[in-house]
Amino acid sequence: MDRNDIESKMKELLVEELGLDEDKITMSATFEEDLEVDSLGVVELLMALEDNFGVQIPDEEAESLVTVGEAVDLVEKKLNA
């Protein structure tokens, strides 16, 4: 799975799981400020990422995620490990 596929799936999950407006989702968008995702929303997203991509994301790595792009980077890194 290449980066474009991961980005597309990430947007899809953010829309489906959290009900976000797809137009607001960019790789530089921050979860809390730009997308107004609370901590529960982030947990829901992480669970969806783990299920959809078949990766494990430890809490300490998840806590450092600020932007959508960082989440894509992390998933890409996990998939290529």
N, C-alpha and C. Protein backbone atom coordinates (compact mmCIF):
# COMPACT_ATOMS: atom_id res chain seq x y z
N MET A 1 0.86 -1.19 0.00
CA MET A 1 0.00 0.00 0.00
C MET A 1 0.89 1.24 0.00
N ASP A 2 0.67 2.12 -0.97
CA ASP A 2 1.52 3.31 -1.04
C ASP A 2 0.90 4.47 -0.25
N ARG A 3 1.65 5.55 -0.18
CA ARG A 3 1.23 6.68 0.64
C ARG A 3 -0.12 7.26 0.20
N ASN A 4 -0.34 7.34 -1.11
CA ASN A 4 -1.62 7.88 -1.60
C ASN A 4 -2.80 7.03 -1.14
N ASP A 5 -2.60 5.70 -1.14
CA ASP A 5 -3.66 4.80 -0.67
C ASP A 5 -3.93 5.03 0.82
N ILE A 6 -2.85 5.21 1.59
CA ILE A 6 -3.00 5.43 3.03
C ILE A 6 -3.72 6.76 3.28
N GLU A 7 -3.34 7.80 2.54
CA GLU A 7 -3.99 9.11 2.70
C GLU A 7 -5.48 9.02 2.37
N SER A 8 -5.81 8.33 1.29
CA SER A 8 -7.22 8.19 0.90
C SER A 8 -8.01 7.45 1.96
N LYS A 9 -7.44 6.35 2.46
CA LYS A 9 -8.12 5.56 3.48
C LYS A 9 -8.26 6.37 4.78
N MET A 10 -7.24 7.15 5.11
CA MET A 10 -7.29 7.99 6.31
C MET A 10 -8.45 8.98 6.21
N LYS A 11 -8.57 9.64 5.07
CA LYS A 11 -9.68 10.59 4.87
C LYS A 11 -11.02 9.87 5.00
N GLU A 12 -11.11 8.72 4.36
CA GLU A 12 -12.34 7.93 4.40
C GLU A 12 -12.72 7.59 5.85
N LEU A 13 -11.73 7.16 6.64
CA LEU A 13 -11.99 6.80 8.03
C LEU A 13 -12.41 8.02 8.85
N LEU A 14 -11.77 9.16 8.61
CA LEU A 14 -12.12 10.37 9.35
C LEU A 14 -13.55 10.79 9.05
N VAL A 15 -13.98 10.62 7.81
CA VAL A 15 -15.35 10.97 7.43
C VAL A 15 -16.33 9.95 8.02
N GLU A 16 -16.03 8.66 7.84
CA GLU A 16 -16.94 7.60 8.29
C GLU A 16 -17.02 7.48 9.81
N GLU A 17 -15.85 7.43 10.45
CA GLU A 17 -15.81 7.17 11.89
C GLU A 17 -16.15 8.40 12.74
N LEU A 18 -15.69 9.57 12.29
CA LEU A 18 -15.84 10.77 13.12
C LEU A 18 -16.80 11.80 12.53
N GLY A 19 -17.33 11.52 11.34
CA GLY A 19 -18.30 12.43 10.73
C GLY A 19 -17.72 13.77 10.33
N LEU A 20 -16.43 13.79 9.97
CA LEU A 20 -15.80 15.05 9.59
C LEU A 20 -16.11 15.42 8.15
N ASP A 21 -16.00 16.71 7.86
CA ASP A 21 -16.19 17.22 6.50
C ASP A 21 -14.91 16.95 5.71
N GLU A 22 -15.04 16.18 4.63
CA GLU A 22 -13.86 15.78 3.86
C GLU A 22 -13.07 16.98 3.34
N ASP A 23 -13.75 18.08 3.06
CA ASP A 23 -13.08 19.27 2.54
C ASP A 23 -12.10 19.88 3.54
N LYS A 24 -12.31 19.63 4.82
CA LYS A 24 -11.44 20.18 5.86
C LYS A 24 -10.22 19.30 6.13
N ILE A 25 -10.24 18.07 5.62
CA ILE A 25 -9.17 17.13 5.93
C ILE A 25 -8.00 17.30 4.95
N THR A 26 -6.91 17.86 5.48
CA THR A 26 -5.67 17.97 4.71
C THR A 26 -4.57 17.31 5.52
N MET A 27 -3.45 17.07 4.90
CA MET A 27 -2.35 16.41 5.61
C MET A 27 -1.78 17.31 6.70
N SER A 28 -1.95 18.63 6.56
CA SER A 28 -1.42 19.55 7.58
C SER A 28 -2.46 19.90 8.64
N ALA A 29 -3.69 19.42 8.49
CA ALA A 29 -4.76 19.73 9.45
C ALA A 29 -4.46 19.05 10.79
N THR A 30 -4.60 19.83 11.87
CA THR A 30 -4.41 19.26 13.20
C THR A 30 -5.73 18.68 13.68
N PHE A 31 -5.62 17.58 14.43
CA PHE A 31 -6.84 16.91 14.90
C PHE A 31 -7.64 17.81 15.83
N GLU A 32 -6.98 18.40 16.82
CA GLU A 32 -7.70 19.18 17.83
C GLU A 32 -8.14 20.55 17.33
N GLU A 33 -7.21 21.30 16.75
CA GLU A 33 -7.51 22.68 16.35
C GLU A 33 -8.35 22.75 15.07
N ASP A 34 -7.84 22.17 13.98
CA ASP A 34 -8.49 22.32 12.68
C ASP A 34 -9.73 21.44 12.52
N LEU A 35 -9.64 20.21 13.01
CA LEU A 35 -10.74 19.26 12.80
C LEU A 35 -11.65 19.11 14.01
N GLU A 36 -11.25 19.72 15.13
CA GLU A 36 -12.04 19.70 16.37
C GLU A 36 -12.36 18.28 16.83
N VAL A 37 -11.34 17.43 16.78
CA VAL A 37 -11.49 16.04 17.25
C VAL A 37 -11.03 16.00 18.70
N ASP A 38 -11.89 15.52 19.60
CA ASP A 38 -11.52 15.42 21.00
C ASP A 38 -10.73 14.14 21.24
N SER A 39 -10.28 13.95 22.46
CA SER A 39 -9.44 12.79 22.77
C SER A 39 -10.16 11.47 22.52
N LEU A 40 -11.46 11.43 22.76
CA LEU A 40 -12.23 10.22 22.48
C LEU A 40 -12.25 9.94 20.97
N GLY A 41 -12.38 10.99 20.18
CA GLY A 41 -12.37 10.85 18.73
C GLY A 41 -11.04 10.30 18.24
N VAL A 42 -9.96 10.77 18.84
CA VAL A 42 -8.63 10.28 18.47
C VAL A 42 -8.51 8.79 18.79
N VAL A 43 -9.02 8.38 19.94
CA VAL A 43 -8.99 6.96 20.32
C VAL A 43 -9.80 6.13 19.31
N GLU A 44 -10.97 6.63 18.93
CA GLU A 44 -11.80 5.93 17.94
C GLU A 44 -11.05 5.80 16.61
N LEU A 45 -10.37 6.88 16.21
CA LEU A 45 -9.62 6.86 14.96
C LEU A 45 -8.49 5.84 15.04
N LEU A 46 -7.77 5.81 16.15
CA LEU A 46 -6.66 4.87 16.31
C LEU A 46 -7.15 3.42 16.22
N MET A 47 -8.28 3.15 16.84
CA MET A 47 -8.83 1.79 16.77
C MET A 47 -9.19 1.45 15.33
N ALA A 48 -9.76 2.41 14.61
CA ALA A 48 -10.13 2.19 13.21
C ALA A 48 -8.88 1.98 12.35
N LEU A 49 -7.82 2.74 12.63
CA LEU A 49 -6.57 2.57 11.88
C LEU A 49 -5.99 1.19 12.11
N GLU A 50 -5.98 0.76 13.36
CA GLU A 50 -5.45 -0.57 13.69
C GLU A 50 -6.25 -1.65 12.98
N ASP A 51 -7.57 -1.52 12.98
CA ASP A 51 -8.43 -2.52 12.34
C ASP A 51 -8.26 -2.53 10.82
N ASN A 52 -8.24 -1.35 10.22
CA ASN A 52 -8.22 -1.25 8.77
C ASN A 52 -6.86 -1.51 8.15
N PHE A 53 -5.81 -1.15 8.87
CA PHE A 53 -4.46 -1.32 8.31
C PHE A 53 -3.73 -2.52 8.91
N GLY A 54 -4.31 -3.13 9.95
CA GLY A 54 -3.67 -4.30 10.57
C GLY A 54 -2.37 -3.96 11.27
N VAL A 55 -2.30 -2.78 11.87
CA VAL A 55 -1.11 -2.36 12.59
C VAL A 55 -1.44 -2.15 14.07
N GLN A 56 -0.42 -2.14 14.90
CA GLN A 56 -0.57 -1.82 16.32
C GLN A 56 0.06 -0.45 16.57
N ILE A 57 -0.68 0.42 17.22
CA ILE A 57 -0.18 1.76 17.52
C ILE A 57 -0.17 1.94 19.03
N PRO A 58 1.02 1.84 19.63
CA PRO A 58 1.12 2.01 21.09
C PRO A 58 0.71 3.41 21.52
N ASP A 59 0.19 3.52 22.74
CA ASP A 59 -0.28 4.80 23.27
C ASP A 59 0.77 5.89 23.19
N GLU A 60 2.03 5.55 23.50
CA GLU A 60 3.07 6.58 23.51
C GLU A 60 3.30 7.16 22.12
N GLU A 61 3.10 6.36 21.08
CA GLU A 61 3.23 6.88 19.72
C GLU A 61 1.98 7.68 19.35
N ALA A 62 0.84 7.20 19.76
CA ALA A 62 -0.43 7.87 19.44
C ALA A 62 -0.49 9.26 20.07
N GLU A 63 0.05 9.41 21.26
CA GLU A 63 -0.01 10.69 21.97
C GLU A 63 0.75 11.79 21.25
N SER A 64 1.72 11.41 20.42
CA SER A 64 2.53 12.42 19.73
C SER A 64 1.91 12.89 18.41
N LEU A 65 0.82 12.26 17.99
CA LEU A 65 0.19 12.63 16.72
C LEU A 65 -0.57 13.94 16.85
N VAL A 66 -0.24 14.89 15.99
CA VAL A 66 -0.91 16.19 16.02
C VAL A 66 -1.67 16.43 14.72
N THR A 67 -1.08 16.05 13.59
CA THR A 67 -1.70 16.31 12.30
C THR A 67 -2.11 15.01 11.59
N VAL A 68 -2.96 15.16 10.60
CA VAL A 68 -3.38 14.02 9.79
C VAL A 68 -2.15 13.42 9.10
N GLY A 69 -1.27 14.27 8.60
CA GLY A 69 -0.06 13.80 7.93
C GLY A 69 0.82 12.96 8.84
N GLU A 70 0.91 13.34 10.11
CA GLU A 70 1.71 12.55 11.07
C GLU A 70 1.09 11.17 11.27
N ALA A 71 -0.23 11.10 11.28
CA ALA A 71 -0.90 9.81 11.41
C ALA A 71 -0.63 8.94 10.18
N VAL A 72 -0.66 9.57 9.00
CA VAL A 72 -0.35 8.84 7.77
C VAL A 72 1.09 8.34 7.80
N ASP A 73 2.02 9.21 8.24
CA ASP A 73 3.43 8.82 8.35
C ASP A 73 3.59 7.60 9.25
N LEU A 74 2.91 7.62 10.38
CA LEU A 74 3.03 6.53 11.34
C LEU A 74 2.50 5.21 10.76
N VAL A 75 1.34 5.27 10.11
CA VAL A 75 0.77 4.07 9.51
C VAL A 75 1.71 3.55 8.42
N GLU A 76 2.22 4.47 7.60
CA GLU A 76 3.13 4.07 6.53
C GLU A 76 4.37 3.39 7.10
N LYS A 77 4.91 3.96 8.17
CA LYS A 77 6.09 3.38 8.83
C LYS A 77 5.78 1.97 9.37
N LYS A 78 4.62 1.82 9.98
CA LYS A 78 4.22 0.52 10.54
C LYS A 78 4.04 -0.54 9.43
N LEU A 79 3.46 -0.12 8.32
CA LEU A 79 3.21 -1.04 7.22
C LEU A 79 4.52 -1.49 6.55
N ASN A 80 5.51 -0.60 6.56
CA ASN A 80 6.77 -0.90 5.89
C ASN A 80 7.82 -1.48 6.82
N ALA A 81 7.45 -1.67 8.09
CA ALA A 81 8.42 -2.17 9.08
C ALA A 81 8.73 -3.65 8.84
